[in-house]
N, C-alpha and C. Protein backbone atom coordinates (compact mmCIF):
# COMPACT_ATOMS: atom_id res chain seq x y z
N MET A 1 66.41 111.06 96.38
CA MET A 1 66.92 110.36 95.22
C MET A 1 67.60 111.38 94.32
N ASN A 2 68.72 110.97 93.71
CA ASN A 2 69.51 111.85 92.86
C ASN A 2 69.73 111.14 91.54
N THR A 3 69.43 111.81 90.42
CA THR A 3 69.63 111.22 89.10
C THR A 3 70.65 112.06 88.36
N GLU A 4 71.66 111.40 87.76
CA GLU A 4 72.72 112.08 87.03
C GLU A 4 72.77 111.59 85.60
N GLN A 5 73.21 112.45 84.71
CA GLN A 5 73.43 112.07 83.31
C GLN A 5 74.93 111.93 83.09
N ASN A 6 75.40 110.79 82.62
CA ASN A 6 76.80 110.54 82.30
C ASN A 6 76.89 110.04 80.87
N GLU A 7 77.37 110.89 79.98
CA GLU A 7 77.56 110.51 78.58
C GLU A 7 76.31 109.84 78.01
N GLY A 8 75.17 110.39 78.28
CA GLY A 8 73.93 109.87 77.71
C GLY A 8 73.33 108.71 78.49
N ARG A 9 74.02 108.26 79.54
CA ARG A 9 73.51 107.15 80.34
C ARG A 9 73.00 107.71 81.67
N THR A 10 71.95 107.14 82.17
CA THR A 10 71.35 107.63 83.40
C THR A 10 71.72 106.70 84.55
N THR A 11 72.22 107.29 85.63
CA THR A 11 72.53 106.54 86.84
C THR A 11 71.65 107.08 87.94
N THR A 12 70.93 106.22 88.63
CA THR A 12 70.06 106.63 89.71
C THR A 12 70.66 106.16 91.02
N VAL A 13 70.80 107.08 91.95
CA VAL A 13 71.36 106.75 93.25
C VAL A 13 70.34 107.11 94.31
N GLU A 14 69.97 106.15 95.13
CA GLU A 14 69.06 106.39 96.24
C GLU A 14 69.86 106.32 97.53
N LEU A 15 69.71 107.32 98.38
CA LEU A 15 70.41 107.33 99.66
C LEU A 15 69.40 107.10 100.76
N ARG A 16 69.73 106.20 101.63
CA ARG A 16 68.89 105.95 102.80
C ARG A 16 69.79 106.01 104.02
N ALA A 17 69.22 106.08 105.20
CA ALA A 17 69.97 106.34 106.43
C ALA A 17 71.24 105.50 106.57
N LEU A 18 71.17 104.20 106.56
CA LEU A 18 72.34 103.36 106.80
C LEU A 18 72.84 102.66 105.55
N TYR A 19 72.12 102.75 104.47
CA TYR A 19 72.47 101.99 103.27
C TYR A 19 72.57 102.90 102.06
N THR A 20 73.42 102.54 101.16
CA THR A 20 73.48 103.23 99.88
C THR A 20 73.14 102.19 98.82
N PHE A 21 72.13 102.47 98.05
CA PHE A 21 71.74 101.57 96.98
C PHE A 21 72.14 102.23 95.67
N ILE A 22 72.83 101.52 94.85
CA ILE A 22 73.21 102.05 93.55
C ILE A 22 72.51 101.21 92.50
N ARG A 23 71.71 101.88 91.71
CA ARG A 23 71.03 101.20 90.61
C ARG A 23 71.55 101.81 89.33
N VAL A 24 72.14 100.98 88.51
CA VAL A 24 72.68 101.46 87.25
C VAL A 24 71.76 100.95 86.15
N ARG A 25 71.25 101.88 85.34
CA ARG A 25 70.22 101.54 84.36
C ARG A 25 70.77 101.20 82.99
N TYR A 26 72.03 100.90 82.88
CA TYR A 26 72.57 100.52 81.59
C TYR A 26 73.45 99.29 81.77
N GLU A 27 73.51 98.48 80.72
CA GLU A 27 74.31 97.26 80.78
C GLU A 27 75.78 97.58 80.64
N GLY A 28 76.61 96.71 81.17
CA GLY A 28 78.04 96.89 81.08
C GLY A 28 78.59 97.87 82.09
N ALA A 29 77.81 98.17 83.12
CA ALA A 29 78.24 99.13 84.13
C ALA A 29 79.42 98.58 84.92
N ILE A 30 80.31 99.46 85.27
CA ILE A 30 81.43 99.09 86.11
C ILE A 30 81.28 99.83 87.42
N ILE A 31 81.20 99.10 88.49
CA ILE A 31 81.10 99.68 89.82
C ILE A 31 82.36 99.27 90.55
N LYS A 32 83.14 100.24 90.95
CA LYS A 32 84.37 99.97 91.68
C LYS A 32 84.08 100.07 93.16
N ILE A 33 84.31 98.98 93.87
CA ILE A 33 84.07 98.94 95.30
C ILE A 33 85.38 98.60 95.99
N ILE A 34 85.80 99.46 96.89
CA ILE A 34 86.99 99.21 97.68
C ILE A 34 86.55 99.08 99.13
N VAL A 35 86.85 97.95 99.73
CA VAL A 35 86.42 97.69 101.09
C VAL A 35 87.64 97.51 101.98
N SER A 36 87.68 98.23 103.07
CA SER A 36 88.72 98.05 104.08
C SER A 36 88.03 97.73 105.39
N ILE A 37 88.42 96.62 105.99
CA ILE A 37 87.81 96.21 107.25
C ILE A 37 88.94 95.96 108.25
N GLU A 38 88.93 96.72 109.33
CA GLU A 38 89.92 96.50 110.38
C GLU A 38 89.38 95.47 111.36
N ASN A 39 90.22 94.52 111.69
CA ASN A 39 89.86 93.47 112.65
C ASN A 39 88.53 92.80 112.30
N PRO A 40 88.42 92.23 111.10
CA PRO A 40 87.15 91.61 110.72
C PRO A 40 86.86 90.37 111.56
N THR A 41 85.59 90.17 111.80
CA THR A 41 85.17 88.97 112.51
C THR A 41 85.20 87.80 111.52
N PRO A 42 85.28 86.59 112.03
CA PRO A 42 85.22 85.43 111.12
C PRO A 42 83.95 85.42 110.27
N GLU A 43 82.84 85.89 110.86
CA GLU A 43 81.58 85.93 110.11
C GLU A 43 81.67 86.93 108.95
N ALA A 44 82.29 88.09 109.19
CA ALA A 44 82.43 89.09 108.13
C ALA A 44 83.30 88.54 107.00
N LEU A 45 84.40 87.88 107.36
CA LEU A 45 85.26 87.29 106.32
C LEU A 45 84.52 86.22 105.53
N ALA A 46 83.72 85.42 106.23
CA ALA A 46 82.95 84.37 105.54
C ALA A 46 81.93 84.99 104.58
N ASP A 47 81.26 86.07 105.01
CA ASP A 47 80.29 86.75 104.15
C ASP A 47 80.96 87.33 102.90
N ILE A 48 82.12 87.98 103.09
CA ILE A 48 82.83 88.56 101.95
C ILE A 48 83.30 87.46 101.01
N ASP A 49 83.84 86.38 101.58
CA ASP A 49 84.28 85.25 100.76
C ASP A 49 83.12 84.66 99.97
N ALA A 50 81.97 84.51 100.61
CA ALA A 50 80.80 83.96 99.91
C ALA A 50 80.37 84.88 98.77
N PHE A 51 80.36 86.19 99.03
CA PHE A 51 79.99 87.16 97.99
C PHE A 51 80.95 87.07 96.80
N LEU A 52 82.25 87.10 97.09
CA LEU A 52 83.24 87.06 96.01
C LEU A 52 83.19 85.74 95.25
N THR A 53 82.95 84.66 95.96
CA THR A 53 82.83 83.35 95.30
C THR A 53 81.61 83.33 94.38
N LYS A 54 80.50 83.83 94.88
CA LYS A 54 79.26 83.85 94.10
C LYS A 54 79.40 84.67 92.83
N HIS A 55 80.14 85.80 92.91
CA HIS A 55 80.26 86.71 91.79
C HIS A 55 81.66 86.70 91.15
N ALA A 56 82.35 85.58 91.30
CA ALA A 56 83.74 85.48 90.83
C ALA A 56 83.90 85.84 89.35
N ALA A 57 82.95 85.49 88.54
CA ALA A 57 83.06 85.78 87.10
C ALA A 57 83.06 87.28 86.82
N ALA A 58 82.45 88.05 87.71
CA ALA A 58 82.37 89.50 87.48
C ALA A 58 83.38 90.30 88.30
N VAL A 59 84.15 89.61 89.14
CA VAL A 59 85.11 90.30 90.00
C VAL A 59 86.46 90.35 89.31
N GLU A 60 87.03 91.52 89.28
CA GLU A 60 88.35 91.70 88.68
C GLU A 60 89.34 92.04 89.79
N THR A 61 90.43 91.30 89.84
CA THR A 61 91.44 91.53 90.87
C THR A 61 92.34 92.68 90.45
N ASP A 62 92.70 93.50 91.41
CA ASP A 62 93.60 94.63 91.16
C ASP A 62 95.03 94.11 91.08
N THR A 63 95.56 94.04 89.87
CA THR A 63 96.92 93.54 89.67
C THR A 63 97.87 94.65 89.24
N ALA A 64 97.51 95.88 89.54
CA ALA A 64 98.38 97.00 89.19
C ALA A 64 99.49 97.12 90.23
N TRP A 65 100.66 97.50 89.77
CA TRP A 65 101.77 97.75 90.68
C TRP A 65 101.54 99.08 91.37
N THR A 66 101.66 99.07 92.69
CA THR A 66 101.53 100.27 93.51
C THR A 66 102.88 100.54 94.17
N PRO A 67 103.09 101.74 94.71
CA PRO A 67 104.35 101.99 95.41
C PRO A 67 104.63 101.00 96.55
N ALA A 68 103.60 100.64 97.30
CA ALA A 68 103.79 99.68 98.40
C ALA A 68 104.19 98.30 97.85
N ARG A 69 103.55 97.87 96.78
CA ARG A 69 103.92 96.58 96.18
C ARG A 69 105.32 96.63 95.61
N ALA A 70 105.70 97.75 95.03
CA ALA A 70 107.06 97.90 94.48
C ALA A 70 108.10 97.79 95.59
N ARG A 71 107.85 98.42 96.73
CA ARG A 71 108.78 98.32 97.86
C ARG A 71 108.92 96.88 98.32
N SER A 72 107.78 96.20 98.46
CA SER A 72 107.82 94.79 98.88
C SER A 72 108.56 93.94 97.87
N TYR A 73 108.32 94.20 96.59
CA TYR A 73 108.99 93.44 95.53
C TYR A 73 110.50 93.64 95.62
N TYR A 74 110.95 94.86 95.83
CA TYR A 74 112.38 95.15 95.90
C TYR A 74 113.03 94.50 97.12
N GLU A 75 112.31 94.42 98.21
CA GLU A 75 112.87 93.87 99.45
C GLU A 75 112.96 92.35 99.45
N GLU A 76 112.22 91.68 98.60
CA GLU A 76 112.15 90.22 98.62
C GLU A 76 113.34 89.48 97.98
N PRO A 77 113.83 89.88 96.81
CA PRO A 77 114.84 89.04 96.15
C PRO A 77 116.23 89.21 96.75
N PRO A 78 117.16 88.32 96.37
CA PRO A 78 118.54 88.43 96.84
C PRO A 78 119.21 89.69 96.28
N PRO A 79 120.34 90.10 96.88
CA PRO A 79 121.01 91.34 96.48
C PRO A 79 121.32 91.45 94.98
N ARG A 80 121.72 90.37 94.32
CA ARG A 80 122.04 90.46 92.89
C ARG A 80 120.82 90.86 92.07
N ALA A 81 119.65 90.33 92.43
CA ALA A 81 118.42 90.70 91.73
C ALA A 81 118.00 92.12 92.10
N GLN A 82 118.21 92.52 93.34
CA GLN A 82 117.91 93.90 93.75
C GLN A 82 118.73 94.88 92.92
N THR A 83 119.96 94.49 92.59
CA THR A 83 120.83 95.36 91.78
C THR A 83 120.19 95.67 90.44
N ILE A 84 119.55 94.68 89.82
CA ILE A 84 118.89 94.90 88.53
C ILE A 84 117.81 95.97 88.68
N VAL A 85 116.96 95.82 89.70
CA VAL A 85 115.86 96.77 89.91
C VAL A 85 116.43 98.16 90.21
N ARG A 86 117.37 98.23 91.12
CA ARG A 86 117.94 99.52 91.53
C ARG A 86 118.59 100.24 90.35
N GLU A 87 119.41 99.52 89.58
CA GLU A 87 120.12 100.16 88.47
C GLU A 87 119.19 100.52 87.33
N ALA A 88 118.17 99.71 87.07
CA ALA A 88 117.18 100.07 86.05
C ALA A 88 116.43 101.32 86.48
N LEU A 89 116.07 101.38 87.74
CA LEU A 89 115.35 102.55 88.26
C LEU A 89 116.20 103.81 88.16
N ARG A 90 117.45 103.70 88.52
CA ARG A 90 118.36 104.86 88.47
C ARG A 90 118.62 105.33 87.04
N ARG A 91 118.42 104.45 86.08
CA ARG A 91 118.66 104.79 84.67
C ARG A 91 117.36 105.04 83.90
N GLY A 92 116.31 105.37 84.59
CA GLY A 92 115.06 105.71 83.92
C GLY A 92 114.22 104.51 83.52
N GLY A 93 114.53 103.34 84.03
CA GLY A 93 113.72 102.16 83.74
C GLY A 93 114.43 101.08 82.97
N VAL A 94 115.62 101.37 82.43
CA VAL A 94 116.36 100.39 81.61
C VAL A 94 117.81 100.36 82.05
N VAL A 95 118.34 99.16 82.21
CA VAL A 95 119.77 99.02 82.52
C VAL A 95 120.39 98.07 81.51
N PRO A 96 121.47 98.50 80.84
CA PRO A 96 122.14 97.61 79.89
C PRO A 96 122.91 96.52 80.64
N ALA A 97 123.05 95.37 80.03
CA ALA A 97 123.73 94.24 80.65
C ALA A 97 125.16 94.60 81.03
N GLY A 98 125.83 95.39 80.21
CA GLY A 98 127.21 95.77 80.50
C GLY A 98 127.36 96.48 81.83
N ALA A 99 126.38 97.29 82.20
CA ALA A 99 126.44 97.99 83.48
C ALA A 99 126.35 97.02 84.65
N LEU A 100 125.64 95.93 84.46
CA LEU A 100 125.51 94.93 85.51
C LEU A 100 126.71 93.99 85.55
N ARG A 101 127.23 93.65 84.38
CA ARG A 101 128.39 92.76 84.32
C ARG A 101 129.62 93.43 84.91
N ALA A 102 129.71 94.74 84.78
CA ALA A 102 130.89 95.47 85.25
C ALA A 102 130.99 95.43 86.77
N GLU A 103 129.85 95.32 87.45
CA GLU A 103 129.87 95.32 88.91
C GLU A 103 130.48 94.02 89.43
N GLY A 104 131.67 94.10 90.00
CA GLY A 104 132.34 92.93 90.56
C GLY A 104 132.91 92.00 89.51
N GLY A 105 132.82 92.34 88.25
CA GLY A 105 133.36 91.52 87.18
C GLY A 105 132.62 90.22 86.95
N LYS A 106 131.49 90.02 87.60
CA LYS A 106 130.73 88.77 87.46
C LYS A 106 129.81 88.83 86.25
N GLY A 107 129.49 87.65 85.73
CA GLY A 107 128.50 87.55 84.65
C GLY A 107 127.10 87.72 85.22
N LEU A 108 126.10 87.59 84.37
CA LEU A 108 124.72 87.78 84.80
C LEU A 108 124.00 86.48 85.13
N ASN A 109 124.68 85.35 85.03
CA ASN A 109 124.01 84.09 85.31
C ASN A 109 123.40 84.11 86.70
N GLY A 110 122.10 83.85 86.75
CA GLY A 110 121.40 83.78 88.02
C GLY A 110 120.86 85.09 88.54
N HIS A 111 121.23 86.21 87.96
CA HIS A 111 120.74 87.51 88.45
C HIS A 111 119.21 87.57 88.45
N ALA A 112 118.61 87.17 87.37
CA ALA A 112 117.16 87.34 87.22
C ALA A 112 116.35 86.24 87.89
N ASN A 113 116.97 85.16 88.30
CA ASN A 113 116.21 84.07 88.93
C ASN A 113 115.45 84.57 90.15
N GLY A 114 116.07 85.43 90.95
CA GLY A 114 115.40 85.97 92.13
C GLY A 114 114.19 86.81 91.78
N LEU A 115 114.25 87.51 90.65
CA LEU A 115 113.11 88.33 90.23
C LEU A 115 111.92 87.47 89.84
N ARG A 116 112.18 86.36 89.18
CA ARG A 116 111.08 85.47 88.78
C ARG A 116 110.44 84.81 90.00
N ALA A 117 111.26 84.42 90.95
CA ALA A 117 110.75 83.72 92.12
C ALA A 117 109.96 84.64 93.05
N VAL A 118 110.29 85.92 93.03
CA VAL A 118 109.67 86.84 93.99
C VAL A 118 108.17 87.00 93.77
N LEU A 119 107.69 86.87 92.55
CA LEU A 119 106.23 86.99 92.32
C LEU A 119 105.48 85.89 93.06
N ALA A 120 105.93 84.66 92.92
CA ALA A 120 105.26 83.54 93.60
C ALA A 120 105.34 83.68 95.11
N LYS A 121 106.51 84.10 95.61
CA LYS A 121 106.66 84.29 97.06
C LYS A 121 105.74 85.39 97.56
N GLY A 122 105.59 86.45 96.78
CA GLY A 122 104.70 87.55 97.16
C GLY A 122 103.25 87.12 97.26
N VAL A 123 102.82 86.22 96.37
CA VAL A 123 101.46 85.70 96.43
C VAL A 123 101.31 84.86 97.70
N GLU A 124 102.29 84.00 97.97
CA GLU A 124 102.24 83.16 99.17
C GLU A 124 102.19 84.00 100.44
N LYS A 125 102.92 85.10 100.48
CA LYS A 125 102.97 85.97 101.65
C LYS A 125 101.83 86.99 101.67
N GLU A 126 100.96 86.94 100.65
CA GLU A 126 99.82 87.84 100.51
C GLU A 126 100.25 89.30 100.40
N LEU A 127 101.38 89.54 99.72
CA LEU A 127 101.85 90.90 99.45
C LEU A 127 101.13 91.48 98.25
N TRP A 128 100.68 90.61 97.34
CA TRP A 128 99.93 91.01 96.16
C TRP A 128 99.15 89.79 95.67
N PRO A 129 98.15 90.01 94.82
CA PRO A 129 97.33 88.89 94.35
C PRO A 129 97.99 88.10 93.24
N HIS A 130 97.48 86.90 93.02
CA HIS A 130 97.90 86.08 91.89
C HIS A 130 97.54 86.83 90.61
N GLY A 131 98.36 86.73 89.61
CA GLY A 131 98.07 87.37 88.33
C GLY A 131 98.88 88.63 88.07
N MET A 132 99.74 89.01 88.99
CA MET A 132 100.59 90.19 88.78
C MET A 132 101.58 89.87 87.67
N ARG A 133 101.84 90.83 86.81
CA ARG A 133 102.83 90.67 85.73
C ARG A 133 104.22 90.97 86.28
N GLN A 134 105.19 90.22 85.78
CA GLN A 134 106.58 90.46 86.16
C GLN A 134 106.92 91.91 85.82
N PRO A 135 107.32 92.73 86.80
CA PRO A 135 107.58 94.14 86.51
C PRO A 135 108.92 94.40 85.84
N VAL A 136 109.88 93.52 86.04
CA VAL A 136 111.21 93.69 85.47
C VAL A 136 111.46 92.53 84.52
N VAL A 137 111.74 92.86 83.26
CA VAL A 137 111.91 91.83 82.23
C VAL A 137 113.24 92.01 81.51
N GLY A 138 113.75 90.90 80.99
CA GLY A 138 114.99 90.93 80.23
C GLY A 138 114.77 91.53 78.85
N ILE A 139 115.81 92.15 78.34
CA ILE A 139 115.79 92.70 76.99
C ILE A 139 116.67 91.80 76.14
N GLY A 140 116.15 91.34 75.06
CA GLY A 140 116.93 90.48 74.18
C GLY A 140 116.05 89.61 73.32
N PRO A 141 116.67 88.72 72.57
CA PRO A 141 115.92 87.90 71.63
C PRO A 141 115.12 86.77 72.27
N GLY A 142 115.30 86.55 73.59
CA GLY A 142 114.56 85.47 74.24
C GLY A 142 115.39 84.22 74.43
N TYR A 143 116.59 84.22 73.94
CA TYR A 143 117.51 83.11 74.12
C TYR A 143 118.92 83.69 74.20
N GLY A 144 119.82 82.97 74.84
CA GLY A 144 121.19 83.46 74.94
C GLY A 144 121.31 84.57 75.97
N LYS A 145 122.36 85.34 75.86
CA LYS A 145 122.62 86.40 76.82
C LYS A 145 121.62 87.54 76.68
N VAL A 146 121.21 88.07 77.84
CA VAL A 146 120.31 89.22 77.81
C VAL A 146 121.12 90.47 77.47
N GLN A 147 120.45 91.42 76.86
CA GLN A 147 121.09 92.69 76.51
C GLN A 147 120.90 93.72 77.63
N GLY A 148 120.04 93.40 78.57
CA GLY A 148 119.77 94.28 79.68
C GLY A 148 118.43 93.94 80.30
N TYR A 149 117.95 94.82 81.16
CA TYR A 149 116.67 94.64 81.82
C TYR A 149 115.92 95.97 81.83
N ARG A 150 114.58 95.85 81.86
CA ARG A 150 113.76 97.06 81.92
C ARG A 150 112.59 96.84 82.86
N ILE A 151 112.19 97.93 83.47
CA ILE A 151 110.97 97.92 84.28
C ILE A 151 109.83 98.26 83.33
N ARG A 152 108.82 97.40 83.30
CA ARG A 152 107.68 97.62 82.39
C ARG A 152 107.10 99.02 82.60
N ASP A 153 106.65 99.60 81.50
CA ASP A 153 106.09 100.96 81.53
C ASP A 153 104.97 101.09 82.56
N GLU A 154 104.08 100.09 82.62
CA GLU A 154 102.93 100.18 83.53
C GLU A 154 103.34 100.06 85.00
N ALA A 155 104.56 99.63 85.29
CA ALA A 155 105.03 99.50 86.67
C ALA A 155 106.03 100.60 87.05
N LEU A 156 106.57 101.29 86.07
CA LEU A 156 107.67 102.23 86.32
C LEU A 156 107.31 103.35 87.30
N THR A 157 106.15 103.96 87.16
CA THR A 157 105.76 105.05 88.06
C THR A 157 105.65 104.54 89.50
N ALA A 158 105.06 103.37 89.70
CA ALA A 158 104.94 102.81 91.05
C ALA A 158 106.31 102.53 91.64
N PHE A 159 107.24 102.05 90.83
CA PHE A 159 108.59 101.78 91.33
C PHE A 159 109.32 103.08 91.65
N ARG A 160 109.15 104.08 90.82
CA ARG A 160 109.78 105.39 91.11
C ARG A 160 109.27 105.96 92.42
N GLU A 161 107.96 105.89 92.62
CA GLU A 161 107.36 106.44 93.84
C GLU A 161 107.69 105.58 95.06
N GLY A 162 107.63 104.29 94.91
CA GLY A 162 107.86 103.39 96.04
C GLY A 162 109.32 103.28 96.45
N LEU A 163 110.22 103.51 95.51
CA LEU A 163 111.64 103.34 95.78
C LEU A 163 112.40 104.66 95.60
N VAL A 164 111.73 105.77 95.84
CA VAL A 164 112.34 107.08 95.66
C VAL A 164 113.60 107.23 96.49
N HIS A 165 113.69 106.55 97.62
CA HIS A 165 114.89 106.63 98.46
C HIS A 165 116.14 106.15 97.71
N LEU A 166 115.97 105.23 96.78
CA LEU A 166 117.13 104.77 95.99
C LEU A 166 117.61 105.87 95.05
N LEU A 167 116.68 106.63 94.52
CA LEU A 167 117.04 107.74 93.64
C LEU A 167 117.68 108.87 94.45
N ASP A 168 117.17 109.10 95.66
CA ASP A 168 117.74 110.12 96.55
C ASP A 168 119.18 109.78 96.92
N GLN A 169 119.45 108.49 97.13
CA GLN A 169 120.81 108.05 97.46
C GLN A 169 121.76 108.35 96.30
N GLN A 170 121.28 108.15 95.08
CA GLN A 170 122.11 108.39 93.91
C GLN A 170 122.45 109.88 93.81
N GLU A 171 121.43 110.73 94.01
CA GLU A 171 121.64 112.17 93.91
C GLU A 171 122.57 112.67 95.01
N GLY A 172 122.55 111.98 96.15
CA GLY A 172 123.39 112.37 97.27
C GLY A 172 124.78 111.78 97.18
N GLY A 173 125.10 111.08 96.10
CA GLY A 173 126.42 110.51 95.89
C GLY A 173 126.57 109.09 96.35
N ALA A 174 125.50 108.45 96.80
CA ALA A 174 125.60 107.07 97.25
C ALA A 174 125.47 106.12 96.09
């Protein structure tokens, strides 16, 4: 048995041959459990589903943008919506509307529709969980023409890491 002191709180961990028991002696404990199961049996999936259902009130879904989720997000929408993400990324997270309107001389009508739809499609395809926040949002008063688009601060690092090839293309003259 091993006992540790963390900021005045005591955590007791007992190790046994095949099992690890974690007993936390203070209220409000957060235990992060990440489970990866390759080729799960139907019984294993049923057990996990039963556990998560039983403890649904205490289970928090990971809705953070990761590099893999950012890549999937970028690959899903039509090319006009991809342009918003790509150009915002190349400009440090923000792209002014004028930079998008100049491309091909077209207006921005419909550009962002693909970005809104991609979240729902990603949930359906199980690319990410329900509850993900839209990573790319319009800049403006909320009505009328947008002034541009930005990648949310909490998603920007994941998009930079996941879509680094777009930045490499820019540096290489593409």
